Each structure stands twice: as C-alpha cells, then as structure tokens.
Amino acid sequence: MSKLPFAIVTLLGLAACCQNNAAAGSDNDTIPSEPDSADLLFVGDAMQHGPQLKQALQEGGGKYYDYSRCFALVAPIVQQADYAVVNLEVPLGGGPTYHGYPNFSAPDAYAIALRDAGFDLFLTSNNHCLDSGMKAARRTLTALDSIGVDHIGTYSTTAQRDSLAPLIKNINGIKFAFLNYTYGTNGIPPRDGMEVALIDRDRMAAEIEKSRKKGAEIVCVTVHWGLEYMMHENESQRDLAGFLIDRGADMIIGAHPHVIQPMQVVRNEKENKDVLVVYSLGNFLSNQNDTDSRGGAMVKAHVERDSTGRATFRTATYDLHFTSKPTGRNTNYRVIPSRYADSIPAQYTRTWEMFQRNARKVLDECNVNVPYAK
C-alpha cells in the first residue's frame, strides 16, 4: 500500500493501515480571552430500508411516519456539537408511497427527526440521490429548505450549484466551507438540468480555491467513495485524500462503505497544519444485517483559533454507536451510543459486542491520533 505523497504531507503515522501509532507564555498583567473554537460532529449514512418505513408507519398508527424514538439516546450528544453533519442517503420523494432498497424514497418526517435530533447539515451527494428520479431529487432540496437545515451536494440547476457551492458557515466566529461529492449515482445520469457534485478533481480543486476566496478559514470536504463493506481504505481513497490535502483541505470526511474505516491526522508540511482524514464513518441508521454494518462512528473534530489569529483543525476523537432493531410492535429502530450499551436489547447484545470488537480492532491498529472518546 502506498502512502500519501511525501512531497505534499508528512503523516503522523502510516498513511496505509496497520501501524499504531506549545506551551504559551502568560502575562501576569493581562487576562487572556478565550480563543474562537468550534466542535463539529460527523456521522455516517442515514438510510431508510423497507422495514424501517414499515416500523415508522406502525409507530404513527398507520396514519403518519413516526421516528421520534430512533434518535432519543443520541440526540443529546449531537446537540452538544456546535455544528453536526449527517449523510442523508435517501431522497425525500413526497409520497404517497415510499420504498427502500434498491430505489430509496423516504418521508419528510425522517429528515425532520434528524433535524430535531440536532443535525445542522445534510449531505445529499451519494449514489442513491437520484434513485426516485429528478423530480424527487429536486423535491429533496425544497423539503430540506422547508425544515430549515443546511444541505450540500445536489442542486436543481448548474447555476444553483455555482451560487451555493461551497456552503460557507460562520461557526463561533470561525468561517467554514463545506463541500460534498460522490463517485456516482448508481448508473442514473442527472437529467433536465439536475446537478450532482461528482468526484472531479478539477472541479474539486476549483471549489476549494473558491472557498478560500470567499474567506473560508477551514475547508471540509465530504466524499462518498470507497468499496462497500471493506473495513480498510483502498489506494484510490488514499490518492484522492492526498490530492485534497495538497489543495488545502482541512478535513476530509468519507462515507459509502457502510462499515467503519480508519481515521488519521495527517501533517500538511507545505501549509504547516494538521488535516483530519476519516475514510468511512459507517452506518448511522439502517436495516443492514451484516455485523460490521450494524453501526458506525461519530467523529468530533475541534477547531481553534491560535494566538496568531489563525484557525486550524486541532484534535479529533471518535465514539461508536449501534443500530438496535425493533423487538416488538411498540418498538422502533434506535441509534444507541456506546455509553448506553446497557440499553441494547438482550437479543442484540452479542451482535453489538462483535460489531464493537471488529471496529475497535481496525481503529486501534490503524488510526493515527484519533483516539476512542469513551
């Protein structure tokens, strides 16, 4: 396995997997002020398979879709972040019927529940974004607008992308830019002017440069990439990460494999800064059955302005969470953070233990300066 180009970055550990790993003076006559800082939270794929739709409708008494129980345990953690990001891997088709794999479509109630759990930014550029056609893809954008959340990755027109990408946010006095790209759309080409941000190096470089021109101090690039169900990143992911680091990205956050992959803090020597690379966060909520896809990771990234006035990524930690499936008529799918593992029903405890063991093995062996938060 090759490493990210040494001409671009110096790793704080190996770029490929499988190797573990200023004091400031004070003035007694002044009281230092607190620096600008922000904590961001990233989670993986929020999906809606058929059984999830059925259970949510049952929770609503067959009259509406109810997701209120799904995020009750994780919401306090999400809401502690200054800005929280989720990959919405399903169009909001508008009904009257909804469907799961392979052509996803979910009710607006799902996005509303994610918003109410504390998520601020919804990523929409992924391989399922066009599953239900161009009308549903456009409707997803207007639905997200109507519930008052930020979103990036798909656009109703090219002109809209030109005006809205990158997304610029001032978070606690620090100016962030967010960008979102996908490797493809399941063979469904965008039509009728619909714009999907695809992995295109020239376009990515141009939009990172545009972010800086708009005053962004921190550029976060979110990417739908990699191979499904592989718990280690591949050469293509490492190569693209190196490219994005060389173009000045500060955080690179990955999704798509539906399982966790390693996380690394990488040194960009050219710009004298650390960069966070997360290859895959796994699933946030889904009905997938393979043990390693039954949960995912939440990554908390801390950004801080130093004494010179420069805002940089400083540290990151991760925690694990598990999807507990229904155990009866009056239960629902639930995201259960590791700290609440005692809430996992007995019939799923063994699955959780196996998921956690497998995930921790990979991350303990391969992460570079991104420790377990628990």
Protein backbone atom coordinates (compact mmCIF):
# COMPACT_ATOMS: atom_id res chain seq x y z
CA MET A 1 0.00 0.00 0.00
CA SER A 2 1.42 3.37 -0.94
CA LYS A 3 1.49 6.39 1.30
CA LEU A 4 0.14 9.86 0.65
CA PRO A 5 2.78 11.78 -1.31
CA PHE A 6 5.65 12.86 0.95
CA ALA A 7 6.08 15.97 -1.18
CA ILE A 8 2.63 17.00 -0.01
CA VAL A 9 2.25 15.77 3.54
CA THR A 10 4.05 14.04 6.33
CA LEU A 11 1.93 11.54 8.22
CA LEU A 12 1.90 11.43 11.96
CA GLY A 13 1.70 7.68 11.37
CA LEU A 14 1.46 5.47 8.31
CA ALA A 15 -0.93 6.52 5.53
CA ALA A 16 -1.85 2.91 4.92
CA CYS A 17 -3.35 0.91 7.74
CA CYS A 18 -1.85 -1.35 10.33
CA GLN A 19 0.66 0.61 12.36
CA ASN A 20 -0.27 2.36 15.60
CA ASN A 21 0.75 4.96 16.09
CA ALA A 22 3.46 24.79 22.78
CA ALA A 23 3.18 25.85 25.66
CA ALA A 24 2.16 29.54 25.54
CA GLY A 25 3.60 32.14 27.87
CA SER A 26 1.30 34.21 30.06
CA ASP A 27 1.32 37.81 31.09
CA ASN A 28 0.52 38.37 34.76
CA ASP A 29 -0.83 41.81 33.95
CA THR A 30 -3.48 40.63 31.49
CA ILE A 31 -6.30 38.12 31.47
CA PRO A 32 -6.23 36.10 28.22
CA SER A 33 -9.53 35.89 26.39
CA GLU A 34 -10.98 32.59 25.26
CA PRO A 35 -9.99 31.83 21.66
CA ASP A 36 -12.58 31.21 18.98
CA SER A 37 -13.24 27.49 18.83
CA ALA A 38 -15.83 25.12 17.39
CA ASP A 39 -16.67 21.45 17.83
CA LEU A 40 -18.07 19.68 14.78
CA LEU A 41 -19.72 16.25 14.80
CA PHE A 42 -19.86 13.92 11.80
CA VAL A 43 -21.91 10.73 11.42
CA GLY A 44 -22.36 8.32 8.53
CA ASP A 45 -25.19 7.01 6.40
CA ALA A 46 -28.77 7.74 7.43
CA MET A 47 -30.75 5.23 5.37
CA GLN A 48 -34.36 4.10 5.10
CA HIS A 49 -34.93 0.50 4.11
CA GLY A 50 -38.37 -1.02 3.67
CA PRO A 51 -38.60 -2.49 7.20
CA GLN A 52 -37.70 0.90 8.66
CA LEU A 53 -40.52 2.54 6.73
CA LYS A 54 -42.95 -0.13 7.87
CA GLN A 55 -41.98 0.26 11.50
CA ALA A 56 -42.17 4.06 11.42
CA LEU A 57 -45.65 3.90 9.91
CA GLN A 58 -46.69 1.46 12.59
CA GLU A 59 -45.31 3.81 15.24
CA GLY A 60 -47.56 6.51 13.79
CA GLY A 61 -50.60 4.30 13.99
CA GLY A 62 -50.69 3.81 10.24
CA LYS A 63 -51.53 7.48 9.67
CA TYR A 64 -48.10 9.08 9.63
CA TYR A 65 -44.42 8.15 9.96
CA ASP A 66 -43.02 8.46 13.47
CA TYR A 67 -39.26 8.45 14.06
CA SER A 68 -39.34 10.05 17.50
CA ARG A 69 -37.78 7.06 19.26
CA CYS A 70 -35.00 6.49 16.75
CA PHE A 71 -32.62 9.23 17.93
CA ALA A 72 -33.67 9.82 21.55
CA LEU A 73 -30.44 8.45 23.05
CA VAL A 74 -28.03 10.02 20.57
CA ALA A 75 -29.71 13.44 20.34
CA PRO A 76 -28.06 14.90 23.49
CA ILE A 77 -24.63 14.05 22.07
CA VAL A 78 -25.45 15.55 18.67
CA GLN A 79 -26.86 18.69 20.25
CA GLN A 80 -23.67 19.29 22.24
CA ALA A 81 -21.79 19.95 18.99
CA ASP A 82 -21.64 23.45 17.56
CA TYR A 83 -22.43 22.01 14.13
CA ALA A 84 -23.47 18.45 13.27
CA VAL A 85 -23.32 16.76 9.87
CA VAL A 86 -25.19 13.67 8.59
CA ASN A 87 -25.19 11.87 5.24
CA LEU A 88 -28.84 11.71 4.09
CA GLU A 89 -28.66 8.66 1.85
CA VAL A 90 -32.26 8.68 0.69
CA PRO A 91 -34.37 11.07 -1.42
CA LEU A 92 -37.44 12.68 0.14
CA GLY A 93 -39.87 11.63 -2.55
CA GLY A 94 -43.06 13.16 -1.17
CA GLY A 95 -45.20 10.01 -1.35
CA PRO A 96 -47.91 8.91 -1.35
CA THR A 97 -45.87 5.71 -1.15
CA TYR A 98 -42.25 5.23 -0.09
CA HIS A 99 -39.80 2.45 -0.72
CA GLY A 100 -36.49 1.01 0.38
CA TYR A 101 -33.71 -0.77 -1.46
CA PRO A 102 -32.84 -0.59 -4.31
CA ASN A 103 -34.70 2.63 -5.19
CA PHE A 104 -34.98 4.60 -1.99
CA SER A 105 -37.59 7.20 -1.09
CA ALA A 106 -38.45 8.39 2.43
CA PRO A 107 -40.99 10.75 4.02
CA ASP A 108 -40.08 14.24 5.17
CA ALA A 109 -40.67 13.05 8.74
CA TYR A 110 -37.34 11.24 8.60
CA ALA A 111 -35.41 14.42 7.83
CA ILE A 112 -37.42 16.31 10.45
CA ALA A 113 -36.47 13.71 13.07
CA LEU A 114 -32.79 14.08 12.14
CA ARG A 115 -33.09 17.85 12.39
CA ASP A 116 -34.81 17.59 15.76
CA ALA A 117 -32.01 15.29 16.93
CA GLY A 118 -29.63 18.18 16.32
CA PHE A 119 -28.22 17.79 12.81
CA ASP A 120 -27.46 21.06 11.03
CA LEU A 121 -26.04 19.96 7.68
CA PHE A 122 -27.43 17.21 5.42
CA LEU A 123 -25.17 15.76 2.71
CA THR A 124 -27.13 14.78 -0.41
CA SER A 125 -24.46 13.80 -2.94
CA ASN A 126 -24.37 9.99 -2.80
CA ASN A 127 -25.07 7.03 -5.03
CA HIS A 128 -28.77 6.94 -4.04
CA CYS A 129 -29.58 10.61 -4.55
CA LEU A 130 -31.28 10.03 -7.94
CA ASP A 131 -32.98 6.73 -7.04
CA SER A 132 -36.50 8.12 -7.39
CA GLY A 133 -35.83 10.36 -10.36
CA MET A 134 -35.14 14.01 -10.97
CA LYS A 135 -38.43 15.25 -9.52
CA ALA A 136 -37.75 13.53 -6.20
CA ALA A 137 -34.14 14.75 -6.20
CA ARG A 138 -35.31 18.33 -6.62
CA ARG A 139 -38.07 17.87 -4.09
CA THR A 140 -35.49 16.70 -1.56
CA LEU A 141 -33.84 20.11 -1.77
CA THR A 142 -37.05 22.08 -1.31
CA ALA A 143 -38.08 19.79 1.58
CA LEU A 144 -34.77 20.39 3.34
CA ASP A 145 -35.15 24.12 2.77
CA SER A 146 -38.65 24.00 4.25
CA ILE A 147 -37.45 22.43 7.51
CA GLY A 148 -34.65 24.94 7.90
CA VAL A 149 -31.50 22.85 7.57
CA ASP A 150 -28.35 23.35 5.52
CA HIS A 151 -27.63 20.93 2.67
CA ILE A 152 -24.98 20.46 0.02
CA GLY A 153 -24.11 18.05 -2.79
CA THR A 154 -27.06 18.18 -5.20
CA TYR A 155 -28.60 21.19 -6.90
CA SER A 156 -31.64 21.93 -9.04
CA THR A 157 -29.51 23.57 -11.72
CA THR A 158 -25.88 24.18 -12.56
CA ALA A 159 -26.45 27.86 -11.85
CA GLN A 160 -27.68 26.98 -8.36
CA ARG A 161 -24.52 25.00 -7.70
CA ASP A 162 -22.40 27.89 -8.90
CA SER A 163 -24.17 30.20 -6.45
CA LEU A 164 -24.43 27.86 -3.44
CA ALA A 165 -21.23 25.80 -3.51
CA PRO A 166 -19.27 25.99 -1.35
CA LEU A 167 -21.55 26.30 1.66
CA ILE A 168 -19.99 28.97 3.88
CA LYS A 169 -20.86 28.96 7.60
CA ASN A 170 -19.67 31.15 10.43
CA ILE A 171 -19.47 28.87 13.45
CA ASN A 172 -18.42 30.57 16.69
CA GLY A 173 -16.50 33.22 14.82
CA ILE A 174 -14.67 30.79 12.52
CA LYS A 175 -15.53 30.73 8.82
CA PHE A 176 -16.00 27.19 7.44
CA ALA A 177 -16.57 25.97 3.88
CA PHE A 178 -18.33 22.65 3.27
CA LEU A 179 -18.20 20.66 0.03
CA ASN A 180 -19.76 17.27 -0.83
CA TYR A 181 -19.02 14.86 -3.69
CA THR A 182 -19.92 11.32 -4.79
CA TYR A 183 -18.25 8.74 -7.01
CA GLY A 184 -21.52 8.11 -8.91
CA THR A 185 -25.32 7.77 -8.88
CA ASN A 186 -25.98 4.06 -9.44
CA GLY A 187 -25.83 4.49 -13.20
CA ILE A 188 -28.68 7.04 -13.24
CA PRO A 189 -27.45 10.13 -15.09
CA PRO A 190 -28.63 13.56 -13.95
CA ARG A 191 -31.20 14.91 -16.40
CA ASP A 192 -33.24 18.03 -17.04
CA GLY A 193 -30.53 20.25 -15.63
CA MET A 194 -30.24 18.45 -12.29
CA GLU A 195 -26.74 18.89 -10.88
CA VAL A 196 -24.92 16.31 -8.74
CA ALA A 197 -21.46 17.09 -7.39
CA LEU A 198 -19.35 14.20 -8.66
CA ILE A 199 -15.74 13.41 -7.84
CA ASP A 200 -13.99 15.52 -10.45
CA ARG A 201 -10.53 16.67 -9.41
CA ASP A 202 -10.53 19.83 -11.48
CA ARG A 203 -13.92 20.88 -10.13
CA MET A 204 -12.97 19.94 -6.56
CA ALA A 205 -9.77 21.97 -6.75
CA ALA A 206 -11.66 24.93 -8.19
CA GLU A 207 -14.29 24.82 -5.44
CA ILE A 208 -11.65 24.59 -2.71
CA GLU A 209 -9.95 27.63 -4.23
CA LYS A 210 -13.33 29.36 -4.41
CA SER A 211 -13.83 28.58 -0.70
CA ARG A 212 -10.64 30.42 0.17
CA LYS A 213 -11.60 33.39 -1.98
CA LYS A 214 -14.86 33.56 -0.05
CA GLY A 215 -12.87 33.83 3.15
CA ALA A 216 -13.09 30.25 4.43
CA GLU A 217 -10.57 29.54 7.18
CA ILE A 218 -11.41 25.83 7.37
CA VAL A 219 -12.38 23.75 4.33
CA CYS A 220 -14.23 20.50 4.99
CA VAL A 221 -14.60 18.13 2.04
CA THR A 222 -17.07 15.27 2.44
CA VAL A 223 -16.71 12.41 -0.02
CA HIS A 224 -18.85 9.39 -0.95
CA TRP A 225 -16.17 6.91 -2.02
CA GLY A 226 -14.50 3.55 -1.43
CA LEU A 227 -15.69 -0.06 -1.60
CA GLU A 228 -18.75 -1.27 0.27
CA TYR A 229 -18.18 -3.47 3.33
CA MET A 230 -14.38 -3.14 3.21
CA MET A 231 -13.04 -2.05 6.61
CA HIS A 232 -9.82 -0.62 5.19
CA GLU A 233 -9.46 2.24 2.76
CA ASN A 234 -8.11 1.50 -0.71
CA GLU A 235 -5.43 3.09 -2.84
CA SER A 236 -7.94 5.28 -4.70
CA GLN A 237 -9.18 6.80 -1.44
CA ARG A 238 -5.66 7.48 -0.21
CA ASP A 239 -4.68 9.04 -3.52
CA LEU A 240 -7.72 11.34 -3.57
CA ALA A 241 -7.13 12.29 0.07
CA GLY A 242 -3.57 13.27 -0.83
CA PHE A 243 -4.84 15.38 -3.71
CA LEU A 244 -7.35 17.19 -1.48
CA ILE A 245 -4.72 17.81 1.20
CA ASP A 246 -2.39 19.26 -1.41
CA ARG A 247 -5.19 21.60 -2.48
CA GLY A 248 -5.58 22.84 1.08
CA ALA A 249 -8.46 20.85 2.60
CA ASP A 250 -8.51 20.86 6.41
CA MET A 251 -10.93 17.98 6.99
CA ILE A 252 -11.80 15.09 4.67
CA ILE A 253 -14.77 13.02 5.82
CA GLY A 254 -15.79 9.84 3.99
CA ALA A 255 -18.91 7.73 3.64
CA HIS A 256 -20.35 4.93 1.46
CA PRO A 257 -18.72 1.63 2.56
CA HIS A 258 -21.44 1.12 5.27
CA VAL A 259 -18.71 0.00 7.67
CA ILE A 260 -16.09 1.97 9.56
CA GLN A 261 -12.66 2.61 8.09
CA PRO A 262 -9.54 4.18 9.65
CA MET A 263 -9.14 7.80 10.70
CA GLN A 264 -5.87 9.69 10.58
CA VAL A 265 -4.43 13.08 11.40
CA VAL A 266 -2.07 13.96 8.57
CA ARG A 267 0.54 16.71 8.52
CA ASN A 268 0.47 19.13 5.59
CA GLU A 269 4.03 20.43 5.77
CA LYS A 270 3.54 22.86 2.92
CA GLU A 271 0.87 24.77 4.84
CA ASN A 272 2.15 23.91 8.33
CA LYS A 273 -1.11 22.40 9.56
CA ASP A 274 -2.75 19.14 10.58
CA VAL A 275 -5.53 17.64 8.46
CA LEU A 276 -8.21 15.19 9.57
CA VAL A 277 -8.90 12.27 7.21
CA VAL A 278 -11.81 9.92 8.03
CA TYR A 279 -12.15 7.24 5.37
CA SER A 280 -15.59 5.94 6.40
CA LEU A 281 -17.97 6.58 9.29
CA GLY A 282 -20.10 3.50 8.57
CA ASN A 283 -23.88 3.49 9.00
CA PHE A 284 -25.75 5.87 11.26
CA LEU A 285 -29.17 4.21 10.92
CA SER A 286 -30.11 1.39 8.56
CA ASN A 287 -31.64 -2.08 8.33
CA GLN A 288 -28.48 -3.74 7.07
CA ASN A 289 -27.79 -7.12 8.64
CA ASP A 290 -24.06 -7.78 8.39
CA THR A 291 -22.47 -7.40 11.80
CA ASP A 292 -19.96 -4.77 10.68
CA SER A 293 -22.72 -2.64 9.10
CA ARG A 294 -24.90 -2.60 12.23
CA GLY A 295 -23.43 0.68 13.43
CA GLY A 296 -20.81 3.29 12.84
CA ALA A 297 -18.68 6.02 14.33
CA MET A 298 -19.33 9.58 15.44
CA VAL A 299 -16.28 11.79 14.98
CA LYS A 300 -15.89 15.01 16.94
CA ALA A 301 -13.45 17.49 15.42
CA HIS A 302 -12.16 20.50 17.37
CA VAL A 303 -11.10 23.66 15.52
CA GLU A 304 -9.48 26.57 17.33
CA ARG A 305 -8.02 29.95 16.56
CA ASP A 306 -4.47 30.30 17.92
CA SER A 307 -2.71 33.30 19.41
CA THR A 308 -1.68 34.49 15.94
CA GLY A 309 -5.31 34.60 14.83
CA ARG A 310 -5.09 31.53 12.59
CA ALA A 311 -7.92 28.97 12.78
CA THR A 312 -6.79 25.36 12.39
CA PHE A 313 -8.04 21.85 12.99
CA ARG A 314 -6.61 20.77 16.34
CA THR A 315 -7.90 17.39 17.58
CA ALA A 316 -10.42 14.64 16.87
CA THR A 317 -11.95 11.74 18.78
CA TYR A 318 -14.44 9.05 17.87
CA ASP A 319 -17.18 7.10 19.58
CA LEU A 320 -19.10 4.06 18.35
CA HIS A 321 -22.84 3.58 18.10
CA PHE A 322 -25.13 0.66 17.27
CA THR A 323 -28.45 0.28 15.45
CA SER A 324 -30.88 -1.66 17.60
CA LYS A 325 -33.68 -3.16 15.55
CA PRO A 326 -37.28 -3.43 16.79
CA THR A 327 -38.08 -6.11 19.33
CA GLY A 328 -41.85 -5.94 19.01
CA ARG A 329 -44.78 -3.93 17.76
CA ASN A 330 -44.28 -0.98 20.08
CA THR A 331 -40.55 -0.52 19.47
CA ASN A 332 -38.56 1.08 16.69
CA TYR A 333 -35.05 1.23 15.27
CA ARG A 334 -32.75 3.12 17.62
CA VAL A 335 -29.26 4.59 17.41
CA ILE A 336 -27.57 3.61 20.68
CA PRO A 337 -24.22 5.25 21.55
CA SER A 338 -21.66 3.07 23.26
CA ARG A 339 -22.18 4.83 26.60
CA TYR A 340 -25.75 3.49 26.60
CA ALA A 341 -24.86 -0.03 25.57
CA ASP A 342 -26.84 -1.38 28.51
CA SER A 343 -29.96 -0.19 26.64
CA ILE A 344 -29.35 -2.66 23.81
CA PRO A 345 -31.96 -5.47 23.94
CA ALA A 346 -30.60 -8.82 25.08
CA GLN A 347 -31.09 -10.46 21.68
CA TYR A 348 -28.76 -7.91 20.08
CA THR A 349 -26.08 -7.74 22.76
CA ARG A 350 -23.92 -10.36 21.09
CA THR A 351 -24.14 -8.54 17.74
CA TRP A 352 -23.12 -5.28 19.42
CA GLU A 353 -20.17 -6.96 21.09
CA MET A 354 -18.99 -8.38 17.77
CA PHE A 355 -19.52 -5.07 15.97
CA GLN A 356 -17.59 -3.19 18.64
CA ARG A 357 -14.78 -5.75 18.75
CA ASN A 358 -14.28 -5.70 14.98
CA ALA A 359 -14.45 -1.93 14.76
CA ARG A 360 -12.10 -1.34 17.67
CA LYS A 361 -9.59 -3.83 16.26
CA VAL A 362 -9.34 -1.91 12.98
CA LEU A 363 -9.36 1.54 14.56
CA ASP A 364 -6.96 0.68 17.39
CA GLU A 365 -4.48 -0.74 14.88
CA CYS A 366 -4.87 1.82 12.12
CA ASN A 367 -5.97 5.18 13.50
CA VAL A 368 -3.37 7.91 13.74
CA ASN A 369 -4.01 10.42 16.53
CA VAL A 370 -7.79 9.92 16.52
CA PRO A 371 -8.46 8.14 19.83
CA TYR A 372 -11.58 6.48 21.19
CA ALA A 373 -13.54 9.03 23.21
CA LYS A 374 -15.10 6.66 25.70
